[in-house]
Amino acid sequence: MASHTLCKYTGISLDADQDSFQRCHITDCELFFNGSKPPEVSQCRILRPRLKLSGPAENTIRFLAAIYHSGGADEVEEILEKIRKVPPGS
C-alpha cells in the first residue's frame, strides 16, 4: 500500500488499489482499480479522471448494469444516490 499526501499528479497513470490519498490534487490521470481493496481518499481534488476498472471492480459494474436493465433500475439508482452524497469529513 502506497501513501500519497499533498501530492499533485497530472496526466499520469495511478494504481489506486489499496493506496491512500490525502489532500492530493489529481488531474487528467488514469486511475486503475481492480477492486481488491478500496483506496483511502481524504480531502482530495480529482478532476477529469479516466477510470480503468478490471477484475472484481469491472464485474461489479457488469452486475449492476444487468440488474438495472432487467427491471432493477430503482435499486441501482439507490446505490448511485449514496455515491452522490458528500462523504463525511470531506
PDB file of N, CA and C in Angstrom:
ATOM      1  N   MET A   1       0.841  -1.181   0.000  1.00  0.00           N
ATOM      2  CA  MET A   1       0.000   0.000   0.000  1.00  0.00           C
ATOM      3  C   MET A   1       0.880   1.236   0.000  1.00  0.00           C
ATOM      4  N   ALA A   2       0.668   2.082  -0.977  1.00  0.00           N
ATOM      5  CA  ALA A   2       1.415   3.333  -1.057  1.00  0.00           C
ATOM      6  C   ALA A   2       0.599   4.455  -0.434  1.00  0.00           C
ATOM      7  N   SER A   3       1.297   5.396   0.160  1.00  0.00           N
ATOM      8  CA  SER A   3       0.646   6.544   0.775  1.00  0.00           C
ATOM      9  C   SER A   3       1.031   7.804   0.003  1.00  0.00           C
ATOM     10  N   HIS A   4       0.029   8.565  -0.401  1.00  0.00           N
ATOM     11  CA  HIS A   4       0.237   9.792  -1.155  1.00  0.00           C
ATOM     12  C   HIS A   4      -0.363  10.940  -0.339  1.00  0.00           C
ATOM     13  N   THR A   5       0.472  11.871   0.094  1.00  0.00           N
ATOM     14  CA  THR A   5      -0.005  13.000   0.887  1.00  0.00           C
ATOM     15  C   THR A   5       0.493  14.302   0.266  1.00  0.00           C
ATOM     16  N   LEU A   6      -0.426  15.246   0.071  1.00  0.00           N
ATOM     17  CA  LEU A   6      -0.110  16.556  -0.512  1.00  0.00           C
ATOM     18  C   LEU A   6       0.572  16.434  -1.872  1.00  0.00           C
ATOM     19  N   CYS A   7       0.193  15.428  -2.640  1.00  0.00           N
ATOM     20  CA  CYS A   7       0.792  15.208  -3.960  1.00  0.00           C
ATOM     21  C   CYS A   7      -0.028  15.889  -5.041  1.00  0.00           C
ATOM     22  N   LYS A   8       0.660  16.267  -6.111  1.00  0.00           N
ATOM     23  CA  LYS A   8       0.000  16.804  -7.294  1.00  0.00           C
ATOM     24  C   LYS A   8       0.394  15.921  -8.474  1.00  0.00           C
ATOM     25  N   TYR A   9      -0.626  15.316  -9.094  1.00  0.00           N
ATOM     26  CA  TYR A   9      -0.393  14.451 -10.245  1.00  0.00           C
ATOM     27  C   TYR A   9      -1.193  14.981 -11.417  1.00  0.00           C
ATOM     28  N   THR A  10      -0.560  15.050 -12.578  1.00  0.00           N
ATOM     29  CA  THR A  10      -1.238  15.476 -13.793  1.00  0.00           C
ATOM     30  C   THR A  10      -0.835  14.559 -14.933  1.00  0.00           C
ATOM     31  N   GLY A  11      -1.828  13.985 -15.611  1.00  0.00           N
ATOM     32  CA  GLY A  11      -1.594  13.217 -16.818  1.00  0.00           C
ATOM     33  C   GLY A  11      -0.807  11.935 -16.648  1.00  0.00           C
ATOM     34  N   ILE A  12      -0.887  11.311 -15.492  1.00  0.00           N
ATOM     35  CA  ILE A  12      -0.163  10.053 -15.285  1.00  0.00           C
ATOM     36  C   ILE A  12      -1.152   8.928 -15.000  1.00  0.00           C
ATOM     37  N   SER A  13      -0.643   7.712 -14.884  1.00  0.00           N
ATOM     38  CA  SER A  13      -1.436   6.549 -14.506  1.00  0.00           C
ATOM     39  C   SER A  13      -1.141   6.207 -13.061  1.00  0.00           C
ATOM     40  N   LEU A  14      -2.213   5.979 -12.293  1.00  0.00           N
ATOM     41  CA  LEU A  14      -2.075   5.618 -10.879  1.00  0.00           C
ATOM     42  C   LEU A  14      -2.842   4.338 -10.611  1.00  0.00           C
ATOM     43  N   ASP A  15      -2.211   3.417  -9.902  1.00  0.00           N
ATOM     44  CA  ASP A  15      -2.888   2.205  -9.439  1.00  0.00           C
ATOM     45  C   ASP A  15      -3.471   2.520  -8.078  1.00  0.00           C
ATOM     46  N   ALA A  16      -4.794   2.612  -8.003  1.00  0.00           N
ATOM     47  CA  ALA A  16      -5.454   3.067  -6.778  1.00  0.00           C
ATOM     48  C   ALA A  16      -5.711   1.949  -5.771  1.00  0.00           C
ATOM     49  N   ASP A  17      -5.610   0.695  -6.167  1.00  0.00           N
ATOM     50  CA  ASP A  17      -5.888  -0.410  -5.250  1.00  0.00           C
ATOM     51  C   ASP A  17      -5.046  -0.297  -3.991  1.00  0.00           C
ATOM     52  N   GLN A  18      -5.702  -0.259  -2.861  1.00  0.00           N
ATOM     53  CA  GLN A  18      -5.092  -0.287  -1.539  1.00  0.00           C
ATOM     54  C   GLN A  18      -4.277   0.955  -1.177  1.00  0.00           C
ATOM     55  N   ASP A  19      -4.203   1.940  -2.044  1.00  0.00           N
ATOM     56  CA  ASP A  19      -3.401   3.122  -1.750  1.00  0.00           C
ATOM     57  C   ASP A  19      -4.167   4.110  -0.876  1.00  0.00           C
ATOM     58  N   SER A  20      -3.439   5.060  -0.325  1.00  0.00           N
ATOM     59  CA  SER A  20      -4.012   6.117   0.496  1.00  0.00           C
ATOM     60  C   SER A  20      -3.679   7.457  -0.151  1.00  0.00           C
ATOM     61  N   PHE A  21      -4.702   8.276  -0.394  1.00  0.00           N
ATOM     62  CA  PHE A  21      -4.533   9.593  -0.986  1.00  0.00           C
ATOM     63  C   PHE A  21      -5.096  10.622  -0.009  1.00  0.00           C
ATOM     64  N   GLN A  22      -4.257  11.532   0.461  1.00  0.00           N
ATOM     65  CA  GLN A  22      -4.687  12.544   1.418  1.00  0.00           C
ATOM     66  C   GLN A  22      -4.262  13.922   0.926  1.00  0.00           C
ATOM     67  N   ARG A  23      -5.247  14.809   0.779  1.00  0.00           N
ATOM     68  CA  ARG A  23      -5.018  16.195   0.358  1.00  0.00           C
ATOM     69  C   ARG A  23      -4.215  16.269  -0.951  1.00  0.00           C
ATOM     70  N   CYS A  24      -4.567  15.416  -1.891  1.00  0.00           N
ATOM     71  CA  CYS A  24      -3.880  15.388  -3.191  1.00  0.00           C
ATOM     72  C   CYS A  24      -4.704  16.092  -4.258  1.00  0.00           C
ATOM     73  N   HIS A  25      -4.020  16.559  -5.301  1.00  0.00           N
ATOM     74  CA  HIS A  25      -4.648  17.110  -6.497  1.00  0.00           C
ATOM     75  C   HIS A  25      -4.297  16.166  -7.638  1.00  0.00           C
ATOM     76  N   ILE A  26      -5.315  15.572  -8.227  1.00  0.00           N
ATOM     77  CA  ILE A  26      -5.118  14.593  -9.300  1.00  0.00           C
ATOM     78  C   ILE A  26      -5.917  15.088 -10.497  1.00  0.00           C
ATOM     79  N   THR A  27      -5.226  15.381 -11.595  1.00  0.00           N
ATOM     80  CA  THR A  27      -5.865  15.977 -12.763  1.00  0.00           C
ATOM     81  C   THR A  27      -5.509  15.195 -14.020  1.00  0.00           C
ATOM     82  N   ASP A  28      -6.518  14.871 -14.823  1.00  0.00           N
ATOM     83  CA  ASP A  28      -6.329  14.205 -16.122  1.00  0.00           C
ATOM     84  C   ASP A  28      -5.520  12.922 -16.004  1.00  0.00           C
ATOM     85  N   CYS A  29      -5.754  12.159 -14.966  1.00  0.00           N
ATOM     86  CA  CYS A  29      -4.994  10.923 -14.743  1.00  0.00           C
ATOM     87  C   CYS A  29      -5.857   9.691 -14.992  1.00  0.00           C
ATOM     88  N   GLU A  30      -5.200   8.598 -15.383  1.00  0.00           N
ATOM     89  CA  GLU A  30      -5.841   7.304 -15.432  1.00  0.00           C
ATOM     90  C   GLU A  30      -5.764   6.707 -14.035  1.00  0.00           C
ATOM     91  N   LEU A  31      -6.914   6.302 -13.511  1.00  0.00           N
ATOM     92  CA  LEU A  31      -6.959   5.671 -12.196  1.00  0.00           C
ATOM     93  C   LEU A  31      -7.375   4.220 -12.386  1.00  0.00           C
ATOM     94  N   PHE A  32      -6.443   3.315 -12.149  1.00  0.00           N
ATOM     95  CA  PHE A  32      -6.704   1.894 -12.291  1.00  0.00           C
ATOM     96  C   PHE A  32      -7.185   1.338 -10.963  1.00  0.00           C
ATOM     97  N   PHE A  33      -8.285   0.580 -11.014  1.00  0.00           N
ATOM     98  CA  PHE A  33      -8.811  -0.030  -9.804  1.00  0.00           C
ATOM     99  C   PHE A  33      -9.311  -1.429 -10.118  1.00  0.00           C
ATOM    100  N   ASN A  34      -8.750  -2.403  -9.420  1.00  0.00           N
ATOM    101  CA  ASN A  34      -9.093  -3.809  -9.618  1.00  0.00           C
ATOM    102  C   ASN A  34     -10.225  -4.236  -8.701  1.00  0.00           C
ATOM    103  N   GLY A  35     -10.324  -3.632  -7.539  1.00  0.00           N
ATOM    104  CA  GLY A  35     -11.382  -3.991  -6.614  1.00  0.00           C
ATOM    105  C   GLY A  35     -10.916  -4.851  -5.461  1.00  0.00           C
ATOM    106  N   SER A  36      -9.602  -4.994  -5.317  1.00  0.00           N
ATOM    107  CA  SER A  36      -9.105  -5.827  -4.222  1.00  0.00           C
ATOM    108  C   SER A  36      -9.385  -5.174  -2.873  1.00  0.00           C
ATOM    109  N   LYS A  37      -9.048  -3.911  -2.733  1.00  0.00           N
ATOM    110  CA  LYS A  37      -9.346  -3.141  -1.525  1.00  0.00           C
ATOM    111  C   LYS A  37      -9.465  -1.681  -1.941  1.00  0.00           C
ATOM    112  N   PRO A  38     -10.538  -0.997  -1.521  1.00  0.00           N
ATOM    113  CA  PRO A  38     -10.716   0.392  -1.932  1.00  0.00           C
ATOM    114  C   PRO A  38      -9.598   1.285  -1.394  1.00  0.00           C
ATOM    115  N   PRO A  39      -9.233   2.291  -2.175  1.00  0.00           N
ATOM    116  CA  PRO A  39      -8.244   3.245  -1.674  1.00  0.00           C
ATOM    117  C   PRO A  39      -8.869   4.139  -0.608  1.00  0.00           C
ATOM    118  N   GLU A  40      -8.035   4.688   0.230  1.00  0.00           N
ATOM    119  CA  GLU A  40      -8.484   5.716   1.169  1.00  0.00           C
ATOM    120  C   GLU A  40      -8.292   7.054   0.476  1.00  0.00           C
ATOM    121  N   VAL A  41      -9.351   7.832   0.378  1.00  0.00           N
ATOM    122  CA  VAL A  41      -9.292   9.138  -0.282  1.00  0.00           C
ATOM    123  C   VAL A  41      -9.859  10.170   0.681  1.00  0.00           C
ATOM    124  N   SER A  42      -9.032  11.147   1.059  1.00  0.00           N
ATOM    125  CA  SER A  42      -9.461  12.150   2.025  1.00  0.00           C
ATOM    126  C   SER A  42      -9.011  13.536   1.581  1.00  0.00           C
ATOM    127  N   GLN A  43      -9.965  14.432   1.472  1.00  0.00           N
ATOM    128  CA  GLN A  43      -9.715  15.836   1.141  1.00  0.00           C
ATOM    129  C   GLN A  43      -8.911  16.016  -0.141  1.00  0.00           C
ATOM    130  N   CYS A  44      -9.231  15.211  -1.152  1.00  0.00           N
ATOM    131  CA  CYS A  44      -8.547  15.300  -2.444  1.00  0.00           C
ATOM    132  C   CYS A  44      -9.422  16.036  -3.453  1.00  0.00           C
ATOM    133  N   ARG A  45      -8.773  16.543  -4.469  1.00  0.00           N
ATOM    134  CA  ARG A  45      -9.443  17.158  -5.619  1.00  0.00           C
ATOM    135  C   ARG A  45      -9.059  16.312  -6.826  1.00  0.00           C
ATOM    136  N   ILE A  46     -10.049  15.654  -7.429  1.00  0.00           N
ATOM    137  CA  ILE A  46      -9.788  14.772  -8.569  1.00  0.00           C
ATOM    138  C   ILE A  46     -10.590  15.295  -9.755  1.00  0.00           C
ATOM    139  N   LEU A  47      -9.887  15.801 -10.759  1.00  0.00           N
ATOM    140  CA  LEU A  47     -10.513  16.427 -11.924  1.00  0.00           C
ATOM    141  C   LEU A  47     -10.275  15.589 -13.178  1.00  0.00           C
ATOM    142  N   ARG A  48     -11.335  15.378 -13.917  1.00  0.00           N
ATOM    143  CA  ARG A  48     -11.304  14.668 -15.205  1.00  0.00           C
ATOM    144  C   ARG A  48     -10.548  13.337 -15.132  1.00  0.00           C
ATOM    145  N   PRO A  49     -10.876  12.480 -14.169  1.00  0.00           N
ATOM    146  CA  PRO A  49     -10.192  11.186 -14.114  1.00  0.00           C
ATOM    147  C   PRO A  49     -10.678  10.280 -15.240  1.00  0.00           C
ATOM    148  N   ARG A  50      -9.827   9.374 -15.651  1.00  0.00           N
ATOM    149  CA  ARG A  50     -10.202   8.315 -16.581  1.00  0.00           C
ATOM    150  C   ARG A  50     -10.125   7.014 -15.775  1.00  0.00           C
ATOM    151  N   LEU A  51     -11.287   6.506 -15.398  1.00  0.00           N
ATOM    152  CA  LEU A  51     -11.335   5.322 -14.549  1.00  0.00           C
ATOM    153  C   LEU A  51     -11.156   4.070 -15.392  1.00  0.00           C
ATOM    154  N   LYS A  52     -10.251   3.216 -14.959  1.00  0.00           N
ATOM    155  CA  LYS A  52      -9.952   1.955 -15.639  1.00  0.00           C
ATOM    156  C   LYS A  52     -10.209   0.827 -14.648  1.00  0.00           C
ATOM    157  N   LEU A  53     -11.368   0.192 -14.785  1.00  0.00           N
ATOM    158  CA  LEU A  53     -11.759  -0.863 -13.864  1.00  0.00           C
ATOM    159  C   LEU A  53     -11.451  -2.225 -14.459  1.00  0.00           C
ATOM    160  N   SER A  54     -11.038  -3.155 -13.604  1.00  0.00           N
ATOM    161  CA  SER A  54     -10.776  -4.522 -14.037  1.00  0.00           C
ATOM    162  C   SER A  54     -11.133  -5.476 -12.905  1.00  0.00           C
ATOM    163  N   GLY A  55     -11.079  -6.765 -13.185  1.00  0.00           N
ATOM    164  CA  GLY A  55     -11.301  -7.780 -12.160  1.00  0.00           C
ATOM    165  C   GLY A  55     -12.626  -7.598 -11.433  1.00  0.00           C
ATOM    166  N   PRO A  56     -12.614  -7.738 -10.098  1.00  0.00           N
ATOM    167  CA  PRO A  56     -13.842  -7.618  -9.318  1.00  0.00           C
ATOM    168  C   PRO A  56     -14.560  -6.275  -9.489  1.00  0.00           C
ATOM    169  N   ALA A  57     -13.816  -5.198  -9.663  1.00  0.00           N
ATOM    170  CA  ALA A  57     -14.448  -3.880  -9.852  1.00  0.00           C
ATOM    171  C   ALA A  57     -15.257  -3.856 -11.147  1.00  0.00           C
ATOM    172  N   GLU A  58     -14.680  -4.370 -12.218  1.00  0.00           N
ATOM    173  CA  GLU A  58     -15.392  -4.426 -13.502  1.00  0.00           C
ATOM    174  C   GLU A  58     -16.580  -5.380 -13.419  1.00  0.00           C
ATOM    175  N   ASN A  59     -16.427  -6.492 -12.701  1.00  0.00           N
ATOM    176  CA  ASN A  59     -17.529  -7.442 -12.537  1.00  0.00           C
ATOM    177  C   ASN A  59     -18.703  -6.806 -11.802  1.00  0.00           C
ATOM    178  N   THR A  60     -18.418  -5.953 -10.826  1.00  0.00           N
ATOM    179  CA  THR A  60     -19.481  -5.273 -10.088  1.00  0.00           C
ATOM    180  C   THR A  60     -20.269  -4.355 -11.019  1.00  0.00           C
ATOM    181  N   ILE A  61     -19.581  -3.623 -11.878  1.00  0.00           N
ATOM    182  CA  ILE A  61     -20.256  -2.745 -12.840  1.00  0.00           C
ATOM    183  C   ILE A  61     -21.138  -3.562 -13.778  1.00  0.00           C
ATOM    184  N   ARG A  62     -20.624  -4.680 -14.256  1.00  0.00           N
ATOM    185  CA  ARG A  62     -21.409  -5.536 -15.161  1.00  0.00           C
ATOM    186  C   ARG A  62     -22.655  -6.079 -14.455  1.00  0.00           C
ATOM    187  N   PHE A  63     -22.500  -6.470 -13.188  1.00  0.00           N
ATOM    188  CA  PHE A  63     -23.627  -6.971 -12.410  1.00  0.00           C
ATOM    189  C   PHE A  63     -24.688  -5.882 -12.234  1.00  0.00           C
ATOM    190  N   LEU A  64     -24.260  -4.682 -11.853  1.00  0.00           N
ATOM    191  CA  LEU A  64     -25.205  -3.581 -11.666  1.00  0.00           C
ATOM    192  C   LEU A  64     -25.913  -3.230 -12.982  1.00  0.00           C
ATOM    193  N   ALA A  65     -25.187  -3.263 -14.091  1.00  0.00           N
ATOM    194  CA  ALA A  65     -25.796  -2.982 -15.394  1.00  0.00           C
ATOM    195  C   ALA A  65     -26.853  -4.037 -15.728  1.00  0.00           C
ATOM    196  N   ALA A  66     -26.566  -5.302 -15.447  1.00  0.00           N
ATOM    197  CA  ALA A  66     -27.535  -6.365 -15.716  1.00  0.00           C
ATOM    198  C   ALA A  66     -28.788  -6.187 -14.865  1.00  0.00           C
ATOM    199  N   ILE A  67     -28.617  -5.858 -13.589  1.00  0.00           N
ATOM    200  CA  ILE A  67     -29.757  -5.623 -12.707  1.00  0.00           C
ATOM    201  C   ILE A  67     -30.563  -4.419 -13.197  1.00  0.00           C
ATOM    202  N   TYR A  68     -29.869  -3.344 -13.529  1.00  0.00           N
ATOM    203  CA  TYR A  68     -30.516  -2.115 -13.995  1.00  0.00           C
ATOM    204  C   TYR A  68     -31.401  -2.391 -15.204  1.00  0.00           C
ATOM    205  N   HIS A  69     -30.873  -3.130 -16.180  1.00  0.00           N
ATOM    206  CA  HIS A  69     -31.592  -3.364 -17.431  1.00  0.00           C
ATOM    207  C   HIS A  69     -32.565  -4.540 -17.359  1.00  0.00           C
ATOM    208  N   SER A  70     -32.676  -5.159 -16.186  1.00  0.00           N
ATOM    209  CA  SER A  70     -33.594  -6.288 -16.014  1.00  0.00           C
ATOM    210  C   SER A  70     -34.740  -5.945 -15.063  1.00  0.00           C
ATOM    211  N   GLY A  71     -34.978  -4.663 -14.845  1.00  0.00           N
ATOM    212  CA  GLY A  71     -36.088  -4.250 -14.006  1.00  0.00           C
ATOM    213  C   GLY A  71     -35.688  -3.722 -12.640  1.00  0.00           C
ATOM    214  N   GLY A  72     -34.405  -3.719 -12.330  1.00  0.00           N
ATOM    215  CA  GLY A  72     -33.954  -3.266 -11.020  1.00  0.00           C
ATOM    216  C   GLY A  72     -33.340  -1.884 -11.025  1.00  0.00           C
ATOM    217  N   ALA A  73     -33.791  -1.030 -11.942  1.00  0.00           N
ATOM    218  CA  ALA A  73     -33.217   0.314 -12.068  1.00  0.00           C
ATOM    219  C   ALA A  73     -33.306   1.107 -10.770  1.00  0.00           C
ATOM    220  N   ASP A  74     -34.429   0.990 -10.066  1.00  0.00           N
ATOM    221  CA  ASP A  74     -34.588   1.758  -8.822  1.00  0.00           C
ATOM    222  C   ASP A  74     -33.535   1.373  -7.777  1.00  0.00           C
ATOM    223  N   GLU A  75     -33.246   0.083  -7.670  1.00  0.00           N
ATOM    224  CA  GLU A  75     -32.254  -0.370  -6.705  1.00  0.00           C
ATOM    225  C   GLU A  75     -30.857   0.149  -7.056  1.00  0.00           C
ATOM    226  N   VAL A  76     -30.525   0.130  -8.328  1.00  0.00           N
ATOM    227  CA  VAL A  76     -29.223   0.643  -8.765  1.00  0.00           C
ATOM    228  C   VAL A  76     -29.163   2.151  -8.542  1.00  0.00           C
ATOM    229  N   GLU A  77     -30.264   2.849  -8.806  1.00  0.00           N
ATOM    230  CA  GLU A  77     -30.303   4.294  -8.567  1.00  0.00           C
ATOM    231  C   GLU A  77     -30.107   4.610  -7.089  1.00  0.00           C
ATOM    232  N   GLU A  78     -30.613   3.772  -6.193  1.00  0.00           N
ATOM    233  CA  GLU A  78     -30.384   3.975  -4.758  1.00  0.00           C
ATOM    234  C   GLU A  78     -28.893   3.904  -4.434  1.00  0.00           C
ATOM    235  N   ILE A  79     -28.205   2.983  -5.047  1.00  0.00           N
ATOM    236  CA  ILE A  79     -26.756   2.869  -4.843  1.00  0.00           C
ATOM    237  C   ILE A  79     -26.060   4.118  -5.373  1.00  0.00           C
ATOM    238  N   LEU A  80     -26.457   4.575  -6.561  1.00  0.00           N
ATOM    239  CA  LEU A  80     -25.855   5.776  -7.135  1.00  0.00           C
ATOM    240  C   LEU A  80     -26.138   7.002  -6.271  1.00  0.00           C
ATOM    241  N   GLU A  81     -27.317   7.068  -5.664  1.00  0.00           N
ATOM    242  CA  GLU A  81     -27.641   8.191  -4.794  1.00  0.00           C
ATOM    243  C   GLU A  81     -26.714   8.221  -3.578  1.00  0.00           C
ATOM    244  N   LYS A  82     -26.385   7.068  -3.041  1.00  0.00           N
ATOM    245  CA  LYS A  82     -25.420   7.005  -1.927  1.00  0.00           C
ATOM    246  C   LYS A  82     -24.063   7.541  -2.369  1.00  0.00           C
ATOM    247  N   ILE A  83     -23.664   7.242  -3.586  1.00  0.00           N
ATOM    248  CA  ILE A  83     -22.384   7.715  -4.127  1.00  0.00           C
ATOM    249  C   ILE A  83     -22.421   9.230  -4.286  1.00  0.00           C
ATOM    250  N   ARG A  84     -23.554   9.775  -4.707  1.00  0.00           N
ATOM    251  CA  ARG A  84     -23.663  11.218  -4.967  1.00  0.00           C
ATOM    252  C   ARG A  84     -23.607  12.063  -3.702  1.00  0.00           C
ATOM    253  N   LYS A  85     -23.932  11.481  -2.559  1.00  0.00           N
ATOM    254  CA  LYS A  85     -23.898  12.234  -1.309  1.00  0.00           C
ATOM    255  C   LYS A  85     -22.456  12.567  -0.933  1.00  0.00           C
ATOM    256  N   VAL A  86     -22.278  13.706  -0.348  1.00  0.00           N
ATOM    257  CA  VAL A  86     -20.937  14.123   0.074  1.00  0.00           C
ATOM    258  C   VAL A  86     -20.496  13.241   1.237  1.00  0.00           C
ATOM    259  N   PRO A  87     -19.316  12.615   1.124  1.00  0.00           N
ATOM    260  CA  PRO A  87     -18.863  11.739   2.206  1.00  0.00           C
ATOM    261  C   PRO A  87     -18.547  12.539   3.472  1.00  0.00           C
ATOM    262  N   PRO A  88     -18.736  11.927   4.645  1.00  0.00           N
ATOM    263  CA  PRO A  88     -18.402  12.613   5.903  1.00  0.00           C
ATOM    264  C   PRO A  88     -16.929  13.003   5.931  1.00  0.00           C
ATOM    265  N   GLY A  89     -16.656  14.160   6.488  1.00  0.00           N
ATOM    266  CA  GLY A  89     -15.277  14.596   6.664  1.00  0.00           C
ATOM    267  C   GLY A  89     -14.620  15.185   5.438  1.00  0.00           C
ATOM    268  N   SER A  90     -15.380  15.368   4.352  1.00  0.00           N
ATOM    269  CA  SER A  90     -14.727  15.923   3.156  1.00  0.00           C
ATOM    270  C   SER A  90     -14.938  17.413   3.051  1.00  0.00           C
TER     271      SER A  90
END
